[in-house]
Amino acid sequence: MTATVHRPRPPVVRLDVAPPTSSYPSGHTAAAVALYGCIAILVFWIYSRRPATRVAVVVLCCIPVVVGMSRLYRGMHYPSDVLAGALTGGLWLLLVITTLLPRQDAMKRGDDHPVLR
């Protein structure tokens, strides 16, 4: 998308040196959603019966929000850039999870658990 949409960075004082790339979408936010979302899903999937799991999942889901807010604060992106990055990362996460995690019907049939093989 960066090669297609050439949007300059916001005209504000930046706290970082801006690279010569365009602003849209936020790659940092997309990567954070994909990475920490994947870790949160795996933690919940593997350890769903443990009490600390929900706390860990909430903390993991807050990290991409903090990353997106920091990109806005530092003057590197517009809010729509961060939103587009979050959407891109979320779509990638959805694709990976639906491809790699076993379906519930396979688990009910008694097929081997792919993680334990």
N, C-alpha and C. Protein backbone atom coordinates (compact mmCIF):
# COMPACT_ATOMS: atom_id res chain seq x y z
N MET A 1 0.82 -1.20 0.00
CA MET A 1 0.00 0.00 0.00
C MET A 1 0.86 1.26 0.00
N THR A 2 2.02 1.17 0.65
CA THR A 2 2.90 2.33 0.72
C THR A 2 3.34 2.78 -0.67
N ALA A 3 3.56 1.82 -1.56
CA ALA A 3 3.98 2.15 -2.92
C ALA A 3 2.84 2.78 -3.72
N THR A 4 1.61 2.47 -3.35
CA THR A 4 0.45 2.98 -4.07
C THR A 4 -0.01 4.34 -3.54
N VAL A 5 -0.07 4.48 -2.23
CA VAL A 5 -0.56 5.72 -1.62
C VAL A 5 0.64 6.51 -1.09
N HIS A 6 0.95 7.60 -1.76
CA HIS A 6 2.10 8.43 -1.37
C HIS A 6 1.61 9.59 -0.52
N ARG A 7 1.40 9.33 0.75
CA ARG A 7 0.93 10.36 1.67
C ARG A 7 2.11 10.85 2.51
N PRO A 8 2.33 12.16 2.52
CA PRO A 8 3.43 12.67 3.35
C PRO A 8 3.09 12.54 4.83
N ARG A 9 4.11 12.59 5.64
CA ARG A 9 3.91 12.52 7.09
C ARG A 9 3.27 13.82 7.57
N PRO A 10 2.60 13.80 8.73
CA PRO A 10 1.92 14.99 9.22
C PRO A 10 2.87 16.18 9.39
N PRO A 11 2.38 17.39 9.11
CA PRO A 11 3.24 18.58 9.23
C PRO A 11 3.31 19.08 10.68
N VAL A 12 3.90 18.29 11.54
CA VAL A 12 4.05 18.64 12.95
C VAL A 12 5.51 18.45 13.34
N VAL A 13 5.86 18.94 14.51
CA VAL A 13 7.21 18.71 15.03
C VAL A 13 7.30 17.23 15.41
N ARG A 14 8.30 16.55 14.85
CA ARG A 14 8.45 15.12 15.09
C ARG A 14 9.48 14.89 16.18
N LEU A 15 9.27 13.86 16.96
CA LEU A 15 10.22 13.47 17.99
C LEU A 15 11.28 12.53 17.45
N ASP A 16 11.06 11.98 16.26
CA ASP A 16 12.00 11.09 15.59
C ASP A 16 12.37 11.68 14.24
N VAL A 17 13.45 11.18 13.68
CA VAL A 17 13.79 11.51 12.31
C VAL A 17 12.89 10.66 11.42
N ALA A 18 12.16 11.29 10.53
CA ALA A 18 11.23 10.56 9.66
C ALA A 18 11.97 9.95 8.49
N PRO A 19 11.76 8.66 8.24
CA PRO A 19 12.36 8.05 7.06
C PRO A 19 11.68 8.59 5.80
N PRO A 20 12.31 8.43 4.66
CA PRO A 20 11.74 8.99 3.42
C PRO A 20 10.61 8.16 2.84
N THR A 21 9.92 7.40 3.65
CA THR A 21 8.78 6.62 3.17
C THR A 21 7.50 7.40 3.42
N SER A 22 6.42 6.91 2.83
CA SER A 22 5.15 7.59 3.02
C SER A 22 4.54 7.20 4.38
N SER A 23 3.51 7.92 4.76
CA SER A 23 2.91 7.77 6.07
C SER A 23 1.86 6.67 6.13
N TYR A 24 1.26 6.33 5.00
CA TYR A 24 0.12 5.42 4.99
C TYR A 24 0.51 4.04 4.51
N PRO A 25 0.15 2.99 5.20
CA PRO A 25 -0.38 2.85 6.55
C PRO A 25 0.75 2.73 7.56
N SER A 26 0.42 2.64 8.83
CA SER A 26 1.43 2.50 9.87
C SER A 26 1.89 1.06 9.96
N GLY A 27 3.09 0.81 9.52
CA GLY A 27 3.64 -0.54 9.56
C GLY A 27 3.91 -1.01 10.98
N HIS A 28 4.31 -0.07 11.86
CA HIS A 28 4.54 -0.44 13.25
C HIS A 28 3.25 -0.96 13.90
N THR A 29 2.14 -0.28 13.63
CA THR A 29 0.86 -0.69 14.20
C THR A 29 0.41 -2.03 13.62
N ALA A 30 0.57 -2.20 12.32
CA ALA A 30 0.19 -3.47 11.69
C ALA A 30 1.00 -4.62 12.27
N ALA A 31 2.30 -4.43 12.43
CA ALA A 31 3.15 -5.48 12.99
C ALA A 31 2.78 -5.78 14.44
N ALA A 32 2.48 -4.74 15.21
CA ALA A 32 2.11 -4.94 16.61
C ALA A 32 0.80 -5.71 16.73
N VAL A 33 -0.18 -5.38 15.91
CA VAL A 33 -1.47 -6.11 15.94
C VAL A 33 -1.25 -7.57 15.56
N ALA A 34 -0.48 -7.80 14.52
CA ALA A 34 -0.26 -9.17 14.07
C ALA A 34 0.53 -9.98 15.10
N LEU A 35 1.60 -9.42 15.63
CA LEU A 35 2.45 -10.15 16.56
C LEU A 35 1.78 -10.38 17.91
N TYR A 36 1.37 -9.30 18.55
CA TYR A 36 0.81 -9.43 19.89
C TYR A 36 -0.59 -10.05 19.86
N GLY A 37 -1.32 -9.85 18.78
CA GLY A 37 -2.60 -10.53 18.63
C GLY A 37 -2.42 -12.03 18.50
N CYS A 38 -1.42 -12.44 17.75
CA CYS A 38 -1.13 -13.86 17.59
C CYS A 38 -0.70 -14.47 18.92
N ILE A 39 0.16 -13.79 19.65
CA ILE A 39 0.58 -14.30 20.95
C ILE A 39 -0.61 -14.40 21.89
N ALA A 40 -1.49 -13.39 21.89
CA ALA A 40 -2.67 -13.41 22.75
C ALA A 40 -3.59 -14.59 22.40
N ILE A 41 -3.81 -14.83 21.12
CA ILE A 41 -4.67 -15.93 20.71
C ILE A 41 -4.06 -17.27 21.10
N LEU A 42 -2.76 -17.42 20.90
CA LEU A 42 -2.11 -18.67 21.27
C LEU A 42 -2.12 -18.90 22.77
N VAL A 43 -1.86 -17.85 23.54
CA VAL A 43 -1.90 -17.98 25.01
C VAL A 43 -3.30 -18.38 25.45
N PHE A 44 -4.31 -17.73 24.91
CA PHE A 44 -5.69 -18.07 25.28
C PHE A 44 -6.06 -19.48 24.83
N TRP A 45 -5.61 -19.86 23.66
CA TRP A 45 -5.93 -21.18 23.11
C TRP A 45 -5.27 -22.29 23.92
N ILE A 46 -4.03 -22.08 24.33
CA ILE A 46 -3.29 -23.12 25.05
C ILE A 46 -3.62 -23.14 26.54
N TYR A 47 -3.72 -21.96 27.15
CA TYR A 47 -3.88 -21.88 28.61
C TYR A 47 -5.23 -21.31 29.03
N SER A 48 -6.28 -21.57 28.31
CA SER A 48 -7.57 -20.92 28.58
C SER A 48 -8.16 -21.24 29.94
N ARG A 49 -7.77 -22.30 30.57
CA ARG A 49 -8.33 -22.67 31.87
C ARG A 49 -7.61 -22.02 33.05
N ARG A 50 -6.53 -21.34 32.83
CA ARG A 50 -5.77 -20.75 33.93
C ARG A 50 -6.26 -19.34 34.22
N PRO A 51 -6.28 -18.96 35.50
CA PRO A 51 -6.82 -17.64 35.87
C PRO A 51 -6.01 -16.45 35.32
N ALA A 52 -4.71 -16.58 35.23
CA ALA A 52 -3.88 -15.46 34.77
C ALA A 52 -3.95 -15.25 33.26
N THR A 53 -4.56 -16.19 32.56
CA THR A 53 -4.61 -16.11 31.10
C THR A 53 -5.34 -14.87 30.61
N ARG A 54 -6.46 -14.56 31.21
CA ARG A 54 -7.23 -13.40 30.75
C ARG A 54 -6.49 -12.10 30.98
N VAL A 55 -5.77 -12.01 32.09
CA VAL A 55 -4.96 -10.82 32.37
C VAL A 55 -3.87 -10.69 31.31
N ALA A 56 -3.20 -11.80 31.01
CA ALA A 56 -2.14 -11.78 30.00
C ALA A 56 -2.68 -11.40 28.64
N VAL A 57 -3.85 -11.91 28.28
CA VAL A 57 -4.45 -11.60 26.98
C VAL A 57 -4.82 -10.12 26.90
N VAL A 58 -5.37 -9.56 27.97
CA VAL A 58 -5.72 -8.14 27.97
C VAL A 58 -4.47 -7.28 27.82
N VAL A 59 -3.41 -7.62 28.54
CA VAL A 59 -2.16 -6.86 28.43
C VAL A 59 -1.60 -6.96 27.01
N LEU A 60 -1.61 -8.16 26.44
CA LEU A 60 -1.11 -8.34 25.07
C LEU A 60 -1.94 -7.56 24.06
N CYS A 61 -3.25 -7.46 24.27
CA CYS A 61 -4.11 -6.71 23.35
C CYS A 61 -3.95 -5.20 23.51
N CYS A 62 -3.45 -4.75 24.65
CA CYS A 62 -3.24 -3.31 24.86
C CYS A 62 -1.96 -2.80 24.20
N ILE A 63 -1.01 -3.68 23.96
CA ILE A 63 0.27 -3.25 23.40
C ILE A 63 0.11 -2.61 22.02
N PRO A 64 -0.66 -3.17 21.08
CA PRO A 64 -0.83 -2.50 19.79
C PRO A 64 -1.49 -1.12 19.91
N VAL A 65 -2.39 -0.96 20.88
CA VAL A 65 -3.02 0.35 21.10
C VAL A 65 -1.96 1.36 21.52
N VAL A 66 -1.07 0.95 22.42
CA VAL A 66 0.01 1.84 22.88
C VAL A 66 0.96 2.16 21.72
N VAL A 67 1.25 1.18 20.89
CA VAL A 67 2.12 1.42 19.73
C VAL A 67 1.47 2.43 18.78
N GLY A 68 0.19 2.26 18.49
CA GLY A 68 -0.51 3.20 17.61
C GLY A 68 -0.55 4.60 18.18
N MET A 69 -0.83 4.70 19.47
CA MET A 69 -0.87 6.02 20.11
C MET A 69 0.52 6.68 20.11
N SER A 70 1.56 5.89 20.29
CA SER A 70 2.91 6.46 20.28
C SER A 70 3.29 6.96 18.89
N ARG A 71 2.81 6.28 17.85
CA ARG A 71 3.09 6.75 16.48
C ARG A 71 2.40 8.09 16.20
N LEU A 72 1.20 8.26 16.79
CA LEU A 72 0.51 9.55 16.66
C LEU A 72 1.23 10.62 17.47
N TYR A 73 1.58 10.28 18.70
CA TYR A 73 2.23 11.24 19.60
C TYR A 73 3.56 11.73 19.03
N ARG A 74 4.30 10.83 18.42
CA ARG A 74 5.61 11.18 17.90
C ARG A 74 5.53 11.92 16.56
N GLY A 75 4.33 12.10 16.03
CA GLY A 75 4.14 12.86 14.81
C GLY A 75 4.47 12.11 13.54
N MET A 76 4.46 10.80 13.60
CA MET A 76 4.86 10.01 12.44
C MET A 76 3.68 9.63 11.53
N HIS A 77 2.45 9.65 12.07
CA HIS A 77 1.29 9.20 11.31
C HIS A 77 0.05 10.02 11.63
N TYR A 78 -0.87 10.01 10.69
CA TYR A 78 -2.22 10.52 10.92
C TYR A 78 -3.03 9.40 11.59
N PRO A 79 -4.14 9.74 12.25
CA PRO A 79 -4.98 8.68 12.85
C PRO A 79 -5.46 7.65 11.83
N SER A 80 -5.76 8.08 10.62
CA SER A 80 -6.21 7.12 9.60
C SER A 80 -5.09 6.16 9.20
N ASP A 81 -3.84 6.59 9.28
CA ASP A 81 -2.71 5.70 8.99
C ASP A 81 -2.64 4.58 10.03
N VAL A 82 -2.81 4.96 11.29
CA VAL A 82 -2.76 3.98 12.37
C VAL A 82 -3.94 3.02 12.27
N LEU A 83 -5.11 3.55 11.96
CA LEU A 83 -6.29 2.70 11.80
C LEU A 83 -6.12 1.72 10.64
N ALA A 84 -5.58 2.20 9.53
CA ALA A 84 -5.34 1.32 8.39
C ALA A 84 -4.29 0.27 8.72
N GLY A 85 -3.27 0.64 9.47
CA GLY A 85 -2.27 -0.33 9.90
C GLY A 85 -2.86 -1.39 10.81
N ALA A 86 -3.73 -0.97 11.73
CA ALA A 86 -4.38 -1.92 12.63
C ALA A 86 -5.28 -2.87 11.85
N LEU A 87 -6.00 -2.35 10.88
CA LEU A 87 -6.87 -3.19 10.04
C LEU A 87 -6.04 -4.18 9.22
N THR A 88 -4.95 -3.71 8.65
CA THR A 88 -4.08 -4.59 7.87
C THR A 88 -3.51 -5.70 8.73
N GLY A 89 -3.00 -5.33 9.91
CA GLY A 89 -2.47 -6.34 10.83
C GLY A 89 -3.53 -7.31 11.30
N GLY A 90 -4.74 -6.81 11.54
CA GLY A 90 -5.84 -7.67 11.95
C GLY A 90 -6.26 -8.65 10.87
N LEU A 91 -6.29 -8.19 9.63
CA LEU A 91 -6.63 -9.09 8.52
C LEU A 91 -5.56 -10.17 8.33
N TRP A 92 -4.31 -9.78 8.46
CA TRP A 92 -3.22 -10.75 8.36
C TRP A 92 -3.32 -11.77 9.50
N LEU A 93 -3.60 -11.29 10.70
CA LEU A 93 -3.76 -12.18 11.85
C LEU A 93 -4.92 -13.16 11.63
N LEU A 94 -6.02 -12.67 11.13
CA LEU A 94 -7.17 -13.52 10.84
C LEU A 94 -6.82 -14.59 9.82
N LEU A 95 -6.12 -14.22 8.77
CA LEU A 95 -5.70 -15.18 7.76
C LEU A 95 -4.79 -16.26 8.34
N VAL A 96 -3.82 -15.86 9.13
CA VAL A 96 -2.88 -16.82 9.70
C VAL A 96 -3.57 -17.74 10.69
N ILE A 97 -4.38 -17.18 11.57
CA ILE A 97 -5.05 -17.99 12.59
C ILE A 97 -6.03 -18.98 11.96
N THR A 98 -6.81 -18.54 10.99
CA THR A 98 -7.77 -19.45 10.36
C THR A 98 -7.07 -20.52 9.52
N THR A 99 -5.87 -20.24 9.09
CA THR A 99 -5.12 -21.22 8.32
C THR A 99 -4.41 -22.23 9.22
N LEU A 100 -3.83 -21.76 10.31
CA LEU A 100 -2.98 -22.63 11.12
C LEU A 100 -3.65 -23.32 12.30
N LEU A 101 -4.62 -22.68 12.92
CA LEU A 101 -5.26 -23.32 14.06
C LEU A 101 -6.24 -24.38 13.57
N PRO A 102 -6.28 -25.51 14.26
CA PRO A 102 -7.19 -26.57 13.83
C PRO A 102 -8.64 -26.17 14.04
N ARG A 103 -9.49 -26.69 13.23
CA ARG A 103 -10.92 -26.42 13.33
C ARG A 103 -11.51 -27.19 14.52
N GLN A 104 -12.58 -26.68 15.09
CA GLN A 104 -13.22 -27.31 16.23
C GLN A 104 -13.78 -28.68 15.86
N ASP A 105 -14.27 -28.85 14.62
CA ASP A 105 -14.83 -30.15 14.23
C ASP A 105 -13.76 -31.23 14.19
N ALA A 106 -12.52 -30.87 13.84
CA ALA A 106 -11.43 -31.83 13.85
C ALA A 106 -11.09 -32.23 15.28
N MET A 107 -11.20 -31.30 16.20
CA MET A 107 -10.93 -31.60 17.60
C MET A 107 -12.01 -32.53 18.16
N LYS A 108 -13.26 -32.33 17.75
CA LYS A 108 -14.37 -33.16 18.24
C LYS A 108 -14.28 -34.59 17.70
N ARG A 109 -13.74 -34.74 16.49
CA ARG A 109 -13.60 -36.08 15.91
C ARG A 109 -12.52 -36.88 16.62
N GLY A 110 -11.68 -36.20 17.38
CA GLY A 110 -10.62 -36.90 18.09
C GLY A 110 -9.31 -36.95 17.33
N ASP A 111 -9.19 -36.10 16.30
CA ASP A 111 -7.92 -36.06 15.57
C ASP A 111 -6.81 -35.61 16.51
N ASP A 112 -5.61 -35.98 16.18
CA ASP A 112 -4.47 -35.56 16.99
C ASP A 112 -4.36 -34.06 17.05
N HIS A 113 -3.91 -33.58 18.16
CA HIS A 113 -3.69 -32.16 18.36
C HIS A 113 -2.40 -31.78 17.63
N PRO A 114 -2.41 -30.83 16.67
CA PRO A 114 -1.24 -30.55 15.86
C PRO A 114 -0.06 -30.01 16.67
N VAL A 115 -0.32 -29.37 17.78
CA VAL A 115 0.78 -28.82 18.58
C VAL A 115 1.50 -29.94 19.32
N LEU A 116 0.79 -31.00 19.66
CA LEU A 116 1.36 -32.08 20.46
C LEU A 116 2.00 -33.18 19.63
N ARG A 117 1.91 -33.11 18.31
CA ARG A 117 2.51 -34.15 17.46
C ARG A 117 4.00 -34.09 17.48
